[in-house]
Amino acid sequence: MATLIDSGWFWLVFAYALGSIPFGLLLTRVAGAGDLRTIGSGNIGTTNVLRTGRKGLAALTLLLDAGKGAAAVLLAQRFAPEYANMAASAAFVGHLYPVWLRFRGGKGVATMLGTALAIFWPAGLAFALVWLSAALLSRYSSVGGMSAAMVTPLVAAGLGRIDAAALFLGMAILVLWKHRENIERLLAGTESKIGGKSGE
């Protein structure tokens, strides 16, 4: 007998709702750091939380934003494996376009990391390594995130996971789209480096 968790609609809605939780915004409010949307770039992700001067909050935001993506996938894999990729996509879109914030969410880098680790961990590991390396070498958070997003589908494809590669390619395109203003600033030479007050 079919149950609610056997439905694709359940995983679509559940994963979207989980992904749409704006941890960066909630944490900074609870900590008394103000409305994150009025600080720095106004983004709700880890880099902008770091601009509040609260490194612990930034680290926790990173873990929670990645964790919600991973949790959506792992739960789907446990109860309805055929919907795991759908759950990954829904959680990712939920972070980018949360209904609670009038569809103005984050840029998806941490949440893509979480989903990648849960869907196909070698690709997720490559994501993390490229993200860290590119950010440290360039000193641009946006370069790190975009580089990691673009490498991940290539790694998945190279290791024979075409299904994961297609999923990660879609995510990478959305990550680049959400970073379009960063790309413009990089080209203009006005992008803020890590530790700056504006940018991503």
C-alpha atoms as a PDB file:
ATOM      1  CA  MET A   1       0.000   0.000   0.000  1.00  0.00           C
ATOM      2  CA  ALA A   2       1.451   3.337  -1.060  1.00  0.00           C
ATOM      3  CA  THR A   3       2.226   5.876   1.646  1.00  0.00           C
ATOM      4  CA  LEU A   4       2.911   9.590   1.584  1.00  0.00           C
ATOM      5  CA  ILE A   5       6.685   9.140   1.481  1.00  0.00           C
ATOM      6  CA  ASP A   6       6.341   7.022  -1.653  1.00  0.00           C
ATOM      7  CA  SER A   7       5.108  10.088  -3.528  1.00  0.00           C
ATOM      8  CA  GLY A   8       7.376  12.232  -5.646  1.00  0.00           C
ATOM      9  CA  TRP A   9       5.301  15.237  -4.660  1.00  0.00           C
ATOM     10  CA  PHE A  10       6.119  14.641  -0.996  1.00  0.00           C
ATOM     11  CA  TRP A  11       9.858  14.695  -1.643  1.00  0.00           C
ATOM     12  CA  LEU A  12       9.558  17.706  -3.920  1.00  0.00           C
ATOM     13  CA  VAL A  13       7.728  19.747  -1.280  1.00  0.00           C
ATOM     14  CA  PHE A  14       9.640  18.395   1.722  1.00  0.00           C
ATOM     15  CA  ALA A  15      13.084  18.931   0.185  1.00  0.00           C
ATOM     16  CA  TYR A  16      12.159  22.399  -1.079  1.00  0.00           C
ATOM     17  CA  ALA A  17      10.906  23.400   2.379  1.00  0.00           C
ATOM     18  CA  LEU A  18      14.070  22.040   4.004  1.00  0.00           C
ATOM     19  CA  GLY A  19      16.322  23.769   1.498  1.00  0.00           C
ATOM     20  CA  SER A  20      14.495  27.060   1.883  1.00  0.00           C
ATOM     21  CA  ILE A  21      15.339  27.449   5.578  1.00  0.00           C
ATOM     22  CA  PRO A  22      17.506  30.630   5.634  1.00  0.00           C
ATOM     23  CA  PHE A  23      19.976  29.581   8.304  1.00  0.00           C
ATOM     24  CA  GLY A  24      22.307  32.533   7.785  1.00  0.00           C
ATOM     25  CA  LEU A  25      19.473  35.009   8.285  1.00  0.00           C
ATOM     26  CA  LEU A  26      18.074  33.165  11.299  1.00  0.00           C
ATOM     27  CA  LEU A  27      21.428  32.727  13.020  1.00  0.00           C
ATOM     28  CA  THR A  28      22.460  36.369  12.672  1.00  0.00           C
ATOM     29  CA  ARG A  29      19.089  37.516  14.011  1.00  0.00           C
ATOM     30  CA  VAL A  30      19.241  35.187  17.014  1.00  0.00           C
ATOM     31  CA  ALA A  31      22.823  36.284  17.701  1.00  0.00           C
ATOM     32  CA  GLY A  32      21.833  39.952  17.602  1.00  0.00           C
ATOM     33  CA  ALA A  33      23.903  40.701  14.499  1.00  0.00           C
ATOM     34  CA  GLY A  34      20.968  42.353  12.728  1.00  0.00           C
ATOM     35  CA  ASP A  35      19.210  41.618   9.449  1.00  0.00           C
ATOM     36  CA  LEU A  36      21.742  39.941   7.176  1.00  0.00           C
ATOM     37  CA  ARG A  37      19.971  41.358   4.121  1.00  0.00           C
ATOM     38  CA  THR A  38      21.063  44.875   5.157  1.00  0.00           C
ATOM     39  CA  ILE A  39      24.716  43.921   5.622  1.00  0.00           C
ATOM     40  CA  GLY A  40      27.410  43.794   2.934  1.00  0.00           C
ATOM     41  CA  SER A  41      25.996  42.289  -0.247  1.00  0.00           C
ATOM     42  CA  GLY A  42      22.658  41.471   1.377  1.00  0.00           C
ATOM     43  CA  ASN A  43      23.130  37.796   0.578  1.00  0.00           C
ATOM     44  CA  ILE A  44      22.012  35.219   3.153  1.00  0.00           C
ATOM     45  CA  GLY A  45      24.986  32.876   2.722  1.00  0.00           C
ATOM     46  CA  THR A  46      28.209  32.121   4.555  1.00  0.00           C
ATOM     47  CA  THR A  47      30.368  34.838   2.976  1.00  0.00           C
ATOM     48  CA  ASN A  48      28.002  37.602   4.007  1.00  0.00           C
ATOM     49  CA  VAL A  49      27.589  36.157   7.509  1.00  0.00           C
ATOM     50  CA  LEU A  50      31.369  36.407   7.787  1.00  0.00           C
ATOM     51  CA  ARG A  51      31.058  40.149   7.173  1.00  0.00           C
ATOM     52  CA  THR A  52      29.234  40.485  10.487  1.00  0.00           C
ATOM     53  CA  GLY A  53      32.531  39.597  12.141  1.00  0.00           C
ATOM     54  CA  ARG A  54      31.076  36.405  13.600  1.00  0.00           C
ATOM     55  CA  LYS A  55      33.322  33.641  12.277  1.00  0.00           C
ATOM     56  CA  GLY A  56      31.540  31.018  14.354  1.00  0.00           C
ATOM     57  CA  LEU A  57      28.191  31.993  12.865  1.00  0.00           C
ATOM     58  CA  ALA A  58      29.671  31.855   9.381  1.00  0.00           C
ATOM     59  CA  ALA A  59      31.038  28.365   9.979  1.00  0.00           C
ATOM     60  CA  LEU A  60      27.703  27.212  11.391  1.00  0.00           C
ATOM     61  CA  THR A  61      25.867  28.714   8.423  1.00  0.00           C
ATOM     62  CA  LEU A  62      28.137  26.794   6.053  1.00  0.00           C
ATOM     63  CA  LEU A  63      27.520  23.537   7.903  1.00  0.00           C
ATOM     64  CA  LEU A  64      23.765  24.016   8.096  1.00  0.00           C
ATOM     65  CA  ASP A  65      23.349  25.130   4.478  1.00  0.00           C
ATOM     66  CA  ALA A  66      25.378  22.137   3.326  1.00  0.00           C
ATOM     67  CA  GLY A  67      23.650  19.893   5.844  1.00  0.00           C
ATOM     68  CA  LYS A  68      20.138  20.669   4.674  1.00  0.00           C
ATOM     69  CA  GLY A  69      21.066  19.668   1.131  1.00  0.00           C
ATOM     70  CA  ALA A  70      22.706  16.471   2.328  1.00  0.00           C
ATOM     71  CA  ALA A  71      19.810  15.676   4.681  1.00  0.00           C
ATOM     72  CA  ALA A  72      17.228  15.983   1.911  1.00  0.00           C
ATOM     73  CA  VAL A  73      19.181  13.512  -0.224  1.00  0.00           C
ATOM     74  CA  LEU A  74      20.008  11.053   2.546  1.00  0.00           C
ATOM     75  CA  LEU A  75      16.423  10.901   3.755  1.00  0.00           C
ATOM     76  CA  ALA A  76      15.189  10.300   0.227  1.00  0.00           C
ATOM     77  CA  GLN A  77      17.840   7.615  -0.295  1.00  0.00           C
ATOM     78  CA  ARG A  78      16.648   5.918   2.890  1.00  0.00           C
ATOM     79  CA  PHE A  79      12.909   5.979   2.249  1.00  0.00           C
ATOM     80  CA  ALA A  80      12.451   6.498  -1.500  1.00  0.00           C
ATOM     81  CA  PRO A  81      15.765   6.128  -3.393  1.00  0.00           C
ATOM     82  CA  GLU A  82      14.179   6.813  -6.764  1.00  0.00           C
ATOM     83  CA  TYR A  83      13.520  10.394  -5.647  1.00  0.00           C
ATOM     84  CA  ALA A  84      17.000  11.180  -4.302  1.00  0.00           C
ATOM     85  CA  ASN A  85      18.022  13.321  -7.279  1.00  0.00           C
ATOM     86  CA  MET A  86      14.670  15.095  -7.169  1.00  0.00           C
ATOM     87  CA  ALA A  87      15.189  15.845  -3.492  1.00  0.00           C
ATOM     88  CA  ALA A  88      18.646  17.229  -4.224  1.00  0.00           C
ATOM     89  CA  SER A  89      17.272  19.536  -6.900  1.00  0.00           C
ATOM     90  CA  ALA A  90      14.354  20.691  -4.749  1.00  0.00           C
ATOM     91  CA  ALA A  91      16.539  21.451  -1.731  1.00  0.00           C
ATOM     92  CA  PHE A  92      18.968  23.371  -3.919  1.00  0.00           C
ATOM     93  CA  VAL A  93      16.210  25.413  -5.568  1.00  0.00           C
ATOM     94  CA  GLY A  94      14.665  26.008  -2.152  1.00  0.00           C
ATOM     95  CA  HIS A  95      17.883  27.641  -0.989  1.00  0.00           C
ATOM     96  CA  LEU A  96      18.137  29.792  -4.115  1.00  0.00           C
ATOM     97  CA  TYR A  97      14.471  30.774  -4.218  1.00  0.00           C
ATOM     98  CA  PRO A  98      12.845  30.456  -0.757  1.00  0.00           C
ATOM     99  CA  VAL A  99       9.178  31.365  -0.717  1.00  0.00           C
ATOM    100  CA  TRP A 100       9.588  32.854   2.778  1.00  0.00           C
ATOM    101  CA  LEU A 101      11.972  35.522   1.447  1.00  0.00           C
ATOM    102  CA  ARG A 102      10.016  36.347  -1.707  1.00  0.00           C
ATOM    103  CA  PHE A 103      12.228  33.938  -3.648  1.00  0.00           C
ATOM    104  CA  ARG A 104      15.391  35.946  -2.858  1.00  0.00           C
ATOM    105  CA  GLY A 105      17.749  33.364  -1.434  1.00  0.00           C
ATOM    106  CA  GLY A 106      21.407  32.451  -1.425  1.00  0.00           C
ATOM    107  CA  LYS A 107      23.754  31.548  -4.234  1.00  0.00           C
ATOM    108  CA  GLY A 108      23.710  27.827  -3.637  1.00  0.00           C
ATOM    109  CA  VAL A 109      27.376  26.980  -3.183  1.00  0.00           C
ATOM    110  CA  ALA A 110      27.191  25.367   0.277  1.00  0.00           C
ATOM    111  CA  THR A 111      23.913  23.606  -0.492  1.00  0.00           C
ATOM    112  CA  MET A 112      25.337  22.224  -3.732  1.00  0.00           C
ATOM    113  CA  LEU A 113      28.294  20.930  -1.734  1.00  0.00           C
ATOM    114  CA  GLY A 114      25.977  19.088   0.642  1.00  0.00           C
ATOM    115  CA  THR A 115      23.914  17.520  -2.103  1.00  0.00           C
ATOM    116  CA  ALA A 116      27.031  16.526  -4.046  1.00  0.00           C
ATOM    117  CA  LEU A 117      28.549  14.777  -1.030  1.00  0.00           C
ATOM    118  CA  ALA A 118      25.324  12.845  -0.468  1.00  0.00           C
ATOM    119  CA  ILE A 119      24.636  11.973  -4.120  1.00  0.00           C
ATOM    120  CA  PHE A 120      28.207  11.033  -5.132  1.00  0.00           C
ATOM    121  CA  TRP A 121      30.849  11.750  -2.530  1.00  0.00           C
ATOM    122  CA  PRO A 122      33.914  11.786  -4.863  1.00  0.00           C
ATOM    123  CA  ALA A 123      32.344  14.678  -6.767  1.00  0.00           C
ATOM    124  CA  GLY A 124      31.479  16.354  -3.476  1.00  0.00           C
ATOM    125  CA  LEU A 125      35.054  15.973  -2.293  1.00  0.00           C
ATOM    126  CA  ALA A 126      36.332  17.488  -5.543  1.00  0.00           C
ATOM    127  CA  PHE A 127      33.878  20.357  -5.040  1.00  0.00           C
ATOM    128  CA  ALA A 128      35.235  21.060  -1.546  1.00  0.00           C
ATOM    129  CA  LEU A 129      38.879  20.905  -2.627  1.00  0.00           C
ATOM    130  CA  VAL A 130      38.392  23.157  -5.644  1.00  0.00           C
ATOM    131  CA  TRP A 131      36.254  25.622  -3.666  1.00  0.00           C
ATOM    132  CA  LEU A 132      38.887  25.970  -0.960  1.00  0.00           C
ATOM    133  CA  SER A 133      41.866  26.055  -3.340  1.00  0.00           C
ATOM    134  CA  ALA A 134      40.372  28.547  -5.800  1.00  0.00           C
ATOM    135  CA  ALA A 135      39.154  30.837  -3.014  1.00  0.00           C
ATOM    136  CA  LEU A 136      42.530  30.844  -1.275  1.00  0.00           C
ATOM    137  CA  LEU A 137      44.526  31.348  -4.475  1.00  0.00           C
ATOM    138  CA  SER A 138      42.309  34.059  -5.942  1.00  0.00           C
ATOM    139  CA  ARG A 139      41.124  35.538  -2.628  1.00  0.00           C
ATOM    140  CA  TYR A 140      37.676  35.790  -4.189  1.00  0.00           C
ATOM    141  CA  SER A 141      34.898  33.763  -2.557  1.00  0.00           C
ATOM    142  CA  SER A 142      32.858  33.973  -5.740  1.00  0.00           C
ATOM    143  CA  VAL A 143      35.689  32.481  -7.827  1.00  0.00           C
ATOM    144  CA  GLY A 144      35.977  29.592  -5.410  1.00  0.00           C
ATOM    145  CA  GLY A 145      32.265  28.819  -5.504  1.00  0.00           C
ATOM    146  CA  MET A 146      31.874  29.099  -9.255  1.00  0.00           C
ATOM    147  CA  SER A 147      35.013  27.052  -9.950  1.00  0.00           C
ATOM    148  CA  ALA A 148      33.827  24.274  -7.651  1.00  0.00           C
ATOM    149  CA  ALA A 149      30.374  24.226  -9.217  1.00  0.00           C
ATOM    150  CA  MET A 150      31.789  23.936 -12.740  1.00  0.00           C
ATOM    151  CA  VAL A 151      34.264  21.176 -11.864  1.00  0.00           C
ATOM    152  CA  THR A 152      31.751  18.936 -10.089  1.00  0.00           C
ATOM    153  CA  PRO A 153      29.743  17.728 -13.124  1.00  0.00           C
ATOM    154  CA  LEU A 154      32.996  17.049 -14.978  1.00  0.00           C
ATOM    155  CA  VAL A 155      34.262  14.867 -12.136  1.00  0.00           C
ATOM    156  CA  ALA A 156      30.977  12.966 -11.935  1.00  0.00           C
ATOM    157  CA  ALA A 157      30.957  12.388 -15.697  1.00  0.00           C
ATOM    158  CA  GLY A 158      34.593  11.335 -15.705  1.00  0.00           C
ATOM    159  CA  LEU A 159      33.858   8.728 -13.041  1.00  0.00           C
ATOM    160  CA  GLY A 160      30.893   7.338 -14.938  1.00  0.00           C
ATOM    161  CA  ARG A 161      28.025   8.875 -12.967  1.00  0.00           C
ATOM    162  CA  ILE A 162      26.198  10.493 -15.870  1.00  0.00           C
ATOM    163  CA  ASP A 163      23.001  10.895 -13.860  1.00  0.00           C
ATOM    164  CA  ALA A 164      24.851  12.838 -11.169  1.00  0.00           C
ATOM    165  CA  ALA A 165      26.757  14.815 -13.801  1.00  0.00           C
ATOM    166  CA  ALA A 166      23.482  15.984 -15.371  1.00  0.00           C
ATOM    167  CA  LEU A 167      22.145  16.980 -11.958  1.00  0.00           C
ATOM    168  CA  PHE A 168      25.323  18.862 -11.037  1.00  0.00           C
ATOM    169  CA  LEU A 169      25.431  20.579 -14.428  1.00  0.00           C
ATOM    170  CA  GLY A 170      21.982  22.026 -13.828  1.00  0.00           C
ATOM    171  CA  MET A 171      23.061  23.207 -10.396  1.00  0.00           C
ATOM    172  CA  ALA A 172      26.277  24.706 -11.776  1.00  0.00           C
ATOM    173  CA  ILE A 173      24.337  26.727 -14.337  1.00  0.00           C
ATOM    174  CA  LEU A 174      22.133  28.132 -11.574  1.00  0.00           C
ATOM    175  CA  VAL A 175      25.168  28.905  -9.398  1.00  0.00           C
ATOM    176  CA  LEU A 176      26.680  30.879 -12.275  1.00  0.00           C
ATOM    177  CA  TRP A 177      23.371  32.669 -12.849  1.00  0.00           C
ATOM    178  CA  LYS A 178      23.153  33.663  -9.180  1.00  0.00           C
ATOM    179  CA  HIS A 179      26.731  34.958  -9.411  1.00  0.00           C
ATOM    180  CA  ARG A 180      26.124  37.078 -12.519  1.00  0.00           C
ATOM    181  CA  GLU A 181      26.687  40.324 -10.600  1.00  0.00           C
ATOM    182  CA  ASN A 182      29.918  38.902  -9.166  1.00  0.00           C
ATOM    183  CA  ILE A 183      31.041  38.042 -12.694  1.00  0.00           C
ATOM    184  CA  GLU A 184      30.378  41.615 -13.790  1.00  0.00           C
ATOM    185  CA  ARG A 185      32.400  42.948 -10.845  1.00  0.00           C
ATOM    186  CA  LEU A 186      35.246  40.514 -11.524  1.00  0.00           C
ATOM    187  CA  LEU A 187      35.418  41.699 -15.113  1.00  0.00           C
ATOM    188  CA  ALA A 188      35.340  45.318 -13.962  1.00  0.00           C
ATOM    189  CA  GLY A 189      37.971  44.708 -11.276  1.00  0.00           C
ATOM    190  CA  THR A 190      35.638  45.825  -8.486  1.00  0.00           C
ATOM    191  CA  GLU A 191      34.813  42.488  -6.850  1.00  0.00           C
ATOM    192  CA  SER A 192      35.488  42.388  -3.120  1.00  0.00           C
ATOM    193  CA  LYS A 193      38.163  39.970  -1.955  1.00  0.00           C
ATOM    194  CA  ILE A 194      37.758  37.692   1.025  1.00  0.00           C
ATOM    195  CA  GLY A 195      37.612  39.876   4.096  1.00  0.00           C
ATOM    196  CA  GLY A 196      36.135  42.829   2.170  1.00  0.00           C
ATOM    197  CA  LYS A 197      32.850  44.563   2.910  1.00  0.00           C
ATOM    198  CA  SER A 198      30.946  43.962  -0.316  1.00  0.00           C
ATOM    199  CA  GLY A 199      30.685  41.462  -3.113  1.00  0.00           C
ATOM    200  CA  GLU A 200      29.286  37.951  -2.848  1.00  0.00           C
END
